[in-house]
């Protein structure tokens, strides 16, 4: 189950108009490279099997795969 923190914070902010004027948030984004690579490769295979994907560069008939690394990003938002 995914929690919608944006709507929760937005509701708090707009529900307390006279008390709070800013919201600060720290967002941590993680990507597991092995899972991202597998998901992308499955999507590419499916798309080529069903004729809904093609490469823009030759050879057009060969699927193009990507390999992803692990990623961790931290963003700071101030609204």
PDB file of N, CA and C in Angstrom:
ATOM      1  N   UNK A   1       0.840  -1.180   0.000  1.00  0.00           N
ATOM      2  CA  UNK A   1       0.000   0.000   0.000  1.00  0.00           C
ATOM      3  C   UNK A   1       0.891   1.250   0.000  1.00  0.00           C
ATOM      4  N   UNK A   2       0.622   2.153  -0.898  1.00  0.00           N
ATOM      5  CA  UNK A   2       1.390   3.375  -1.005  1.00  0.00           C
ATOM      6  C   UNK A   2       0.672   4.494  -0.254  1.00  0.00           C
ATOM      7  N   UNK A   3       1.424   5.226   0.520  1.00  0.00           N
ATOM      8  CA  UNK A   3       0.863   6.353   1.259  1.00  0.00           C
ATOM      9  C   UNK A   3       1.065   7.616   0.441  1.00  0.00           C
ATOM     10  N   UNK A   4       0.030   8.406   0.316  1.00  0.00           N
ATOM     11  CA  UNK A   4       0.097   9.647  -0.441  1.00  0.00           C
ATOM     12  C   UNK A   4       0.437  10.788   0.508  1.00  0.00           C
ATOM     13  N   UNK A   5       1.710  10.978   0.770  1.00  0.00           N
ATOM     14  CA  UNK A   5       2.146  11.994   1.718  1.00  0.00           C
ATOM     15  C   UNK A   5       1.893  13.406   1.205  1.00  0.00           C
ATOM     16  N   UNK A   6       1.952  13.610  -0.118  1.00  0.00           N
ATOM     17  CA  UNK A   6       1.726  14.946  -0.662  1.00  0.00           C
ATOM     18  C   UNK A   6       0.332  15.453  -0.296  1.00  0.00           C
ATOM     19  N   UNK A   7      -0.686  14.628  -0.530  1.00  0.00           N
ATOM     20  CA  UNK A   7      -2.043  15.072  -0.227  1.00  0.00           C
ATOM     21  C   UNK A   7      -2.257  15.258   1.274  1.00  0.00           C
ATOM     22  N   UNK A   8      -1.607  14.435   2.056  1.00  0.00           N
ATOM     23  CA  UNK A   8      -1.706  14.581   3.506  1.00  0.00           C
ATOM     24  C   UNK A   8      -1.096  15.912   3.952  1.00  0.00           C
ATOM     25  N   UNK A   9       0.110  16.220   3.483  1.00  0.00           N
ATOM     26  CA  UNK A   9       0.759  17.483   3.844  1.00  0.00           C
ATOM     27  C   UNK A   9       0.015  18.685   3.280  1.00  0.00           C
ATOM     28  N   UNK A  10      -0.450  18.546   2.040  1.00  0.00           N
ATOM     29  CA  UNK A  10      -1.194  19.642   1.417  1.00  0.00           C
ATOM     30  C   UNK A  10      -2.467  19.943   2.207  1.00  0.00           C
ATOM     31  N   UNK A  11      -3.153  18.899   2.646  1.00  0.00           N
ATOM     32  CA  UNK A  11      -4.363  19.095   3.440  1.00  0.00           C
ATOM     33  C   UNK A  11      -4.070  19.779   4.760  1.00  0.00           C
ATOM     34  N   UNK A  12      -2.971  19.388   5.394  1.00  0.00           N
ATOM     35  CA  UNK A  12      -2.582  20.040   6.644  1.00  0.00           C
ATOM     36  C   UNK A  12      -2.230  21.507   6.423  1.00  0.00           C
ATOM     37  N   UNK A  13      -1.504  21.779   5.349  1.00  0.00           N
ATOM     38  CA  UNK A  13      -1.070  23.139   5.060  1.00  0.00           C
ATOM     39  C   UNK A  13      -2.265  24.042   4.754  1.00  0.00           C
ATOM     40  N   UNK A  14      -3.160  23.592   3.871  1.00  0.00           N
ATOM     41  CA  UNK A  14      -4.290  24.434   3.490  1.00  0.00           C
ATOM     42  C   UNK A  14      -5.370  24.461   4.562  1.00  0.00           C
ATOM     43  N   UNK A  15      -5.385  23.455   5.428  1.00  0.00           N
ATOM     44  CA  UNK A  15      -6.358  23.441   6.522  1.00  0.00           C
ATOM     45  C   UNK A  15      -5.952  24.341   7.676  1.00  0.00           C
ATOM     46  N   UNK A  16      -4.709  24.763   7.699  1.00  0.00           N
ATOM     47  CA  UNK A  16      -4.207  25.614   8.783  1.00  0.00           C
ATOM     48  C   UNK A  16      -3.633  26.900   8.193  1.00  0.00           C
ATOM     49  N   UNK A  17      -4.399  27.559   7.386  1.00  0.00           N
ATOM     50  CA  UNK A  17      -3.920  28.728   6.637  1.00  0.00           C
ATOM     51  C   UNK A  17      -3.344  29.830   7.512  1.00  0.00           C
ATOM     52  N   UNK A  18      -3.944  30.071   8.643  1.00  0.00           N
ATOM     53  CA  UNK A  18      -3.488  31.180   9.481  1.00  0.00           C
ATOM     54  C   UNK A  18      -2.338  30.792  10.407  1.00  0.00           C
ATOM     55  N   UNK A  19      -2.056  29.515  10.521  1.00  0.00           N
ATOM     56  CA  UNK A  19      -1.019  29.076  11.455  1.00  0.00           C
ATOM     57  C   UNK A  19       0.295  28.715  10.774  1.00  0.00           C
ATOM     58  N   UNK A  20       0.229  28.088   9.588  1.00  0.00           N
ATOM     59  CA  UNK A  20       1.445  27.635   8.915  1.00  0.00           C
ATOM     60  C   UNK A  20       1.469  28.150   7.484  1.00  0.00           C
ATOM     61  N   UNK A  21       2.634  28.550   7.040  1.00  0.00           N
ATOM     62  CA  UNK A  21       2.756  29.051   5.680  1.00  0.00           C
ATOM     63  C   UNK A  21       3.764  28.281   4.849  1.00  0.00           C
ATOM     64  N   UNK A  22       4.547  27.420   5.453  1.00  0.00           N
ATOM     65  CA  UNK A  22       5.536  26.655   4.701  1.00  0.00           C
ATOM     66  C   UNK A  22       5.534  25.193   5.132  1.00  0.00           C
ATOM     67  N   UNK A  23       5.990  24.372   4.222  1.00  0.00           N
ATOM     68  CA  UNK A  23       6.198  22.954   4.494  1.00  0.00           C
ATOM     69  C   UNK A  23       7.567  22.599   3.954  1.00  0.00           C
ATOM     70  N   UNK A  24       8.344  21.909   4.754  1.00  0.00           N
ATOM     71  CA  UNK A  24       9.646  21.408   4.313  1.00  0.00           C
ATOM     72  C   UNK A  24       9.603  19.891   4.360  1.00  0.00           C
ATOM     73  N   UNK A  25      10.181  19.276   3.337  1.00  0.00           N
ATOM     74  CA  UNK A  25      10.181  17.817   3.272  1.00  0.00           C
ATOM     75  C   UNK A  25      11.521  17.332   2.750  1.00  0.00           C
ATOM     76  N   UNK A  26      11.924  16.181   3.225  1.00  0.00           N
ATOM     77  CA  UNK A  26      13.101  15.496   2.713  1.00  0.00           C
ATOM     78  C   UNK A  26      12.616  14.190   2.100  1.00  0.00           C
ATOM     79  N   UNK A  27      12.943  13.994   0.837  1.00  0.00           N
ATOM     80  CA  UNK A  27      12.494  12.810   0.109  1.00  0.00           C
ATOM     81  C   UNK A  27      13.708  11.962  -0.240  1.00  0.00           C
ATOM     82  N   UNK A  28      13.626  10.710   0.108  1.00  0.00           N
ATOM     83  CA  UNK A  28      14.709   9.777  -0.185  1.00  0.00           C
ATOM     84  C   UNK A  28      14.209   8.799  -1.232  1.00  0.00           C
ATOM     85  N   UNK A  29      14.915   8.742  -2.373  1.00  0.00           N
ATOM     86  CA  UNK A  29      14.552   7.867  -3.482  1.00  0.00           C
ATOM     87  C   UNK A  29      15.639   6.814  -3.637  1.00  0.00           C
ATOM     88  N   UNK A  30      15.241   5.556  -3.579  1.00  0.00           N
ATOM     89  CA  UNK A  30      16.180   4.457  -3.745  1.00  0.00           C
ATOM     90  C   UNK A  30      15.814   3.652  -4.982  1.00  0.00           C
ATOM     91  N   UNK A  31      16.822   3.209  -5.723  1.00  0.00           N
ATOM     92  CA  UNK A  31      16.595   2.316  -6.864  1.00  0.00           C
ATOM     93  C   UNK A  31      17.536   1.132  -6.722  1.00  0.00           C
ATOM     94  N   UNK A  32      16.966  -0.050  -6.737  1.00  0.00           N
ATOM     95  CA  UNK A  32      17.783  -1.256  -6.737  1.00  0.00           C
ATOM     96  C   UNK A  32      18.078  -1.604  -8.190  1.00  0.00           C
ATOM     97  N   UNK A  33      19.339  -1.496  -8.558  1.00  0.00           N
ATOM     98  CA  UNK A  33      19.749  -1.654  -9.947  1.00  0.00           C
ATOM     99  C   UNK A  33      19.364  -2.973 -10.563  1.00  0.00           C
ATOM    100  N   UNK A  34      19.523  -4.070  -9.829  1.00  0.00           N
ATOM    101  CA  UNK A  34      19.204  -5.372 -10.399  1.00  0.00           C
ATOM    102  C   UNK A  34      17.714  -5.504 -10.709  1.00  0.00           C
ATOM    103  N   UNK A  35      16.843  -4.968  -9.857  1.00  0.00           N
ATOM    104  CA  UNK A  35      15.402  -5.034 -10.108  1.00  0.00           C
ATOM    105  C   UNK A  35      14.987  -4.107 -11.244  1.00  0.00           C
ATOM    106  N   UNK A  36      15.587  -2.918 -11.301  1.00  0.00           N
ATOM    107  CA  UNK A  36      15.273  -1.982 -12.385  1.00  0.00           C
ATOM    108  C   UNK A  36      15.706  -2.548 -13.729  1.00  0.00           C
ATOM    109  N   UNK A  37      16.873  -3.189 -13.767  1.00  0.00           N
ATOM    110  CA  UNK A  37      17.358  -3.801 -15.002  1.00  0.00           C
ATOM    111  C   UNK A  37      16.423  -4.920 -15.445  1.00  0.00           C
ATOM    112  N   UNK A  38      16.021  -5.776 -14.516  1.00  0.00           N
ATOM    113  CA  UNK A  38      15.116  -6.871 -14.864  1.00  0.00           C
ATOM    114  C   UNK A  38      13.770  -6.358 -15.366  1.00  0.00           C
ATOM    115  N   UNK A  39      13.216  -5.352 -14.695  1.00  0.00           N
ATOM    116  CA  UNK A  39      11.928  -4.791 -15.106  1.00  0.00           C
ATOM    117  C   UNK A  39      12.017  -4.180 -16.506  1.00  0.00           C
ATOM    118  N   UNK A  40      13.062  -3.427 -16.765  1.00  0.00           N
ATOM    119  CA  UNK A  40      13.246  -2.815 -18.090  1.00  0.00           C
ATOM    120  C   UNK A  40      13.388  -3.886 -19.165  1.00  0.00           C
ATOM    121  N   UNK A  41      14.172  -4.916 -18.902  1.00  0.00           N
ATOM    122  CA  UNK A  41      14.371  -5.975 -19.887  1.00  0.00           C
ATOM    123  C   UNK A  41      13.090  -6.744 -20.169  1.00  0.00           C
ATOM    124  N   UNK A  42      12.290  -6.973 -19.145  1.00  0.00           N
ATOM    125  CA  UNK A  42      11.000  -7.641 -19.372  1.00  0.00           C
ATOM    126  C   UNK A  42      10.081  -6.772 -20.222  1.00  0.00           C
ATOM    127  N   UNK A  43      10.070  -5.478 -19.957  1.00  0.00           N
ATOM    128  CA  UNK A  43       9.255  -4.546 -20.742  1.00  0.00           C
ATOM    129  C   UNK A  43       9.692  -4.540 -22.200  1.00  0.00           C
ATOM    130  N   UNK A  44      11.002  -4.495 -22.424  1.00  0.00           N
ATOM    131  CA  UNK A  44      11.521  -4.491 -23.797  1.00  0.00           C
ATOM    132  C   UNK A  44      11.154  -5.790 -24.511  1.00  0.00           C
ATOM    133  N   UNK A  45      11.344  -6.925 -23.846  1.00  0.00           N
ATOM    134  CA  UNK A  45      10.997  -8.213 -24.453  1.00  0.00           C
ATOM    135  C   UNK A  45       9.512  -8.275 -24.803  1.00  0.00           C
ATOM    136  N   UNK A  46       8.660  -7.851 -23.883  1.00  0.00           N
ATOM    137  CA  UNK A  46       7.220  -7.850 -24.126  1.00  0.00           C
ATOM    138  C   UNK A  46       6.877  -6.952 -25.311  1.00  0.00           C
ATOM    139  N   UNK A  47       7.437  -5.763 -25.324  1.00  0.00           N
ATOM    140  CA  UNK A  47       7.144  -4.820 -26.399  1.00  0.00           C
ATOM    141  C   UNK A  47       7.575  -5.327 -27.759  1.00  0.00           C
ATOM    142  N   UNK A  48       8.718  -5.960 -27.852  1.00  0.00           N
ATOM    143  CA  UNK A  48       9.177  -6.478 -29.135  1.00  0.00           C
ATOM    144  C   UNK A  48       8.356  -7.690 -29.567  1.00  0.00           C
ATOM    145  N   UNK A  49       7.973  -8.543 -28.624  1.00  0.00           N
ATOM    146  CA  UNK A  49       7.150  -9.711 -28.971  1.00  0.00           C
ATOM    147  C   UNK A  49       5.784  -9.300 -29.504  1.00  0.00           C
ATOM    148  N   UNK A  50       5.252  -8.196 -28.997  1.00  0.00           N
ATOM    149  CA  UNK A  50       3.910  -7.753 -29.388  1.00  0.00           C
ATOM    150  C   UNK A  50       3.925  -6.616 -30.415  1.00  0.00           C
ATOM    151  N   UNK A  51       5.104  -6.281 -30.910  1.00  0.00           N
ATOM    152  CA  UNK A  51       5.193  -5.276 -31.978  1.00  0.00           C
ATOM    153  C   UNK A  51       4.845  -3.865 -31.541  1.00  0.00           C
ATOM    154  N   UNK A  52       5.016  -3.541 -30.264  1.00  0.00           N
ATOM    155  CA  UNK A  52       4.671  -2.189 -29.824  1.00  0.00           C
ATOM    156  C   UNK A  52       5.905  -1.350 -29.529  1.00  0.00           C
ATOM    157  N   UNK A  53       7.089  -1.943 -29.660  1.00  0.00           N
ATOM    158  CA  UNK A  53       8.339  -1.210 -29.464  1.00  0.00           C
ATOM    159  C   UNK A  53       9.237  -1.417 -30.666  1.00  0.00           C
ATOM    160  N   UNK A  54      10.010  -0.410 -30.986  1.00  0.00           N
ATOM    161  CA  UNK A  54      11.061  -0.556 -31.994  1.00  0.00           C
ATOM    162  C   UNK A  54      12.170   0.414 -31.635  1.00  0.00           C
ATOM    163  N   UNK A  55      13.364   0.099 -32.072  1.00  0.00           N
ATOM    164  CA  UNK A  55      14.494   0.988 -31.840  1.00  0.00           C
ATOM    165  C   UNK A  55      14.458   2.132 -32.834  1.00  0.00           C
ATOM    166  N   UNK A  56      14.989   3.262 -32.449  1.00  0.00           N
ATOM    167  CA  UNK A  56      15.096   4.389 -33.353  1.00  0.00           C
ATOM    168  C   UNK A  56      16.392   4.336 -34.145  1.00  0.00           C
ATOM    169  N   UNK A  57      17.333   3.532 -33.689  1.00  0.00           N
ATOM    170  CA  UNK A  57      18.617   3.392 -34.373  1.00  0.00           C
ATOM    171  C   UNK A  57      18.764   1.961 -34.863  1.00  0.00           C
ATOM    172  N   UNK A  58      19.414   1.762 -36.021  1.00  0.00           N
ATOM    173  CA  UNK A  58      19.625   0.389 -36.517  1.00  0.00           C
ATOM    174  C   UNK A  58      20.474  -0.405 -35.540  1.00  0.00           C
ATOM    175  N   UNK A  59      20.310  -1.698 -35.462  1.00  0.00           N
ATOM    176  CA  UNK A  59      19.289  -2.502 -36.145  1.00  0.00           C
ATOM    177  C   UNK A  59      17.926  -2.383 -35.445  1.00  0.00           C
ATOM    178  N   UNK A  60      16.906  -2.158 -36.234  1.00  0.00           N
ATOM    179  CA  UNK A  60      15.575  -1.893 -35.701  1.00  0.00           C
ATOM    180  C   UNK A  60      14.920  -3.136 -35.098  1.00  0.00           C
ATOM    181  N   UNK A  61      15.299  -4.301 -35.576  1.00  0.00           N
ATOM    182  CA  UNK A  61      14.632  -5.544 -35.179  1.00  0.00           C
ATOM    183  C   UNK A  61      15.244  -6.182 -33.928  1.00  0.00           C
ATOM    184  N   UNK A  62      16.274  -5.590 -33.343  1.00  0.00           N
ATOM    185  CA  UNK A  62      16.903  -6.151 -32.161  1.00  0.00           C
ATOM    186  C   UNK A  62      16.566  -5.303 -30.933  1.00  0.00           C
ATOM    187  N   UNK A  63      16.112  -5.949 -29.874  1.00  0.00           N
ATOM    188  CA  UNK A  63      15.800  -5.188 -28.660  1.00  0.00           C
ATOM    189  C   UNK A  63      17.040  -4.531 -28.085  1.00  0.00           C
ATOM    190  N   UNK A  64      16.853  -3.407 -27.478  1.00  0.00           N
ATOM    191  CA  UNK A  64      17.947  -2.687 -26.849  1.00  0.00           C
ATOM    192  C   UNK A  64      17.763  -2.716 -25.342  1.00  0.00           C
ATOM    193  N   UNK A  65      18.761  -3.226 -24.651  1.00  0.00           N
ATOM    194  CA  UNK A  65      18.667  -3.397 -23.210  1.00  0.00           C
ATOM    195  C   UNK A  65      19.510  -2.355 -22.496  1.00  0.00           C
ATOM    196  N   UNK A  66      19.106  -2.041 -21.292  1.00  0.00           N
ATOM    197  CA  UNK A  66      19.864  -1.129 -20.436  1.00  0.00           C
ATOM    198  C   UNK A  66      20.222  -1.853 -19.153  1.00  0.00           C
ATOM    199  N   UNK A  67      21.264  -1.384 -18.527  1.00  0.00           N
ATOM    200  CA  UNK A  67      21.627  -1.923 -17.219  1.00  0.00           C
ATOM    201  C   UNK A  67      21.681  -0.769 -16.233  1.00  0.00           C
ATOM    202  N   UNK A  68      20.963  -0.914 -15.147  1.00  0.00           N
ATOM    203  CA  UNK A  68      20.871   0.135 -14.143  1.00  0.00           C
ATOM    204  C   UNK A  68      21.734  -0.203 -12.935  1.00  0.00           C
ATOM    205  N   UNK A  69      22.259   0.816 -12.315  1.00  0.00           N
ATOM    206  CA  UNK A  69      23.013   0.657 -11.086  1.00  0.00           C
ATOM    207  C   UNK A  69      22.127   1.066  -9.913  1.00  0.00           C
ATOM    208  N   UNK A  70      22.557   0.716  -8.734  1.00  0.00           N
ATOM    209  CA  UNK A  70      21.853   1.173  -7.538  1.00  0.00           C
ATOM    210  C   UNK A  70      21.926   2.692  -7.472  1.00  0.00           C
ATOM    211  N   UNK A  71      20.894   3.291  -6.936  1.00  0.00           N
ATOM    212  CA  UNK A  71      20.829   4.742  -6.873  1.00  0.00           C
ATOM    213  C   UNK A  71      20.191   5.148  -5.553  1.00  0.00           C
ATOM    214  N   UNK A  72      20.735   6.185  -4.968  1.00  0.00           N
ATOM    215  CA  UNK A  72      20.112   6.802  -3.793  1.00  0.00           C
ATOM    216  C   UNK A  72      20.182   8.312  -3.987  1.00  0.00           C
ATOM    217  N   UNK A  73      19.002   8.932  -3.981  1.00  0.00           N
ATOM    218  CA  UNK A  73      18.924  10.388  -4.127  1.00  0.00           C
ATOM    219  C   UNK A  73      18.164  10.956  -2.940  1.00  0.00           C
ATOM    220  N   UNK A  74      18.602  12.103  -2.490  1.00  0.00           N
ATOM    221  CA  UNK A  74      17.898  12.814  -1.424  1.00  0.00           C
ATOM    222  C   UNK A  74      17.549  14.196  -1.939  1.00  0.00           C
ATOM    223  N   UNK A  75      16.258  14.535  -1.870  1.00  0.00           N
ATOM    224  CA  UNK A  75      15.784  15.848  -2.323  1.00  0.00           C
ATOM    225  C   UNK A  75      15.197  16.585  -1.131  1.00  0.00           C
ATOM    226  N   UNK A  76      15.423  17.865  -1.102  1.00  0.00           N
ATOM    227  CA  UNK A  76      14.860  18.715  -0.065  1.00  0.00           C
ATOM    228  C   UNK A  76      13.878  19.673  -0.730  1.00  0.00           C
ATOM    229  N   UNK A  77      12.658  19.651  -0.286  1.00  0.00           N
ATOM    230  CA  UNK A  77      11.623  20.515  -0.848  1.00  0.00           C
ATOM    231  C   UNK A  77      11.168  21.531   0.204  1.00  0.00           C
ATOM    232  N   UNK A  78      10.879  22.702  -0.267  1.00  0.00           N
ATOM    233  CA  UNK A  78      10.373  23.752   0.604  1.00  0.00           C
ATOM    234  C   UNK A  78       9.238  24.433  -0.134  1.00  0.00           C
ATOM    235  N   UNK A  79       8.044  24.324   0.389  1.00  0.00           N
ATOM    236  CA  UNK A  79       6.856  24.898  -0.267  1.00  0.00           C
ATOM    237  C   UNK A  79       6.226  25.902   0.676  1.00  0.00           C
TER     238      UNK A  79
END
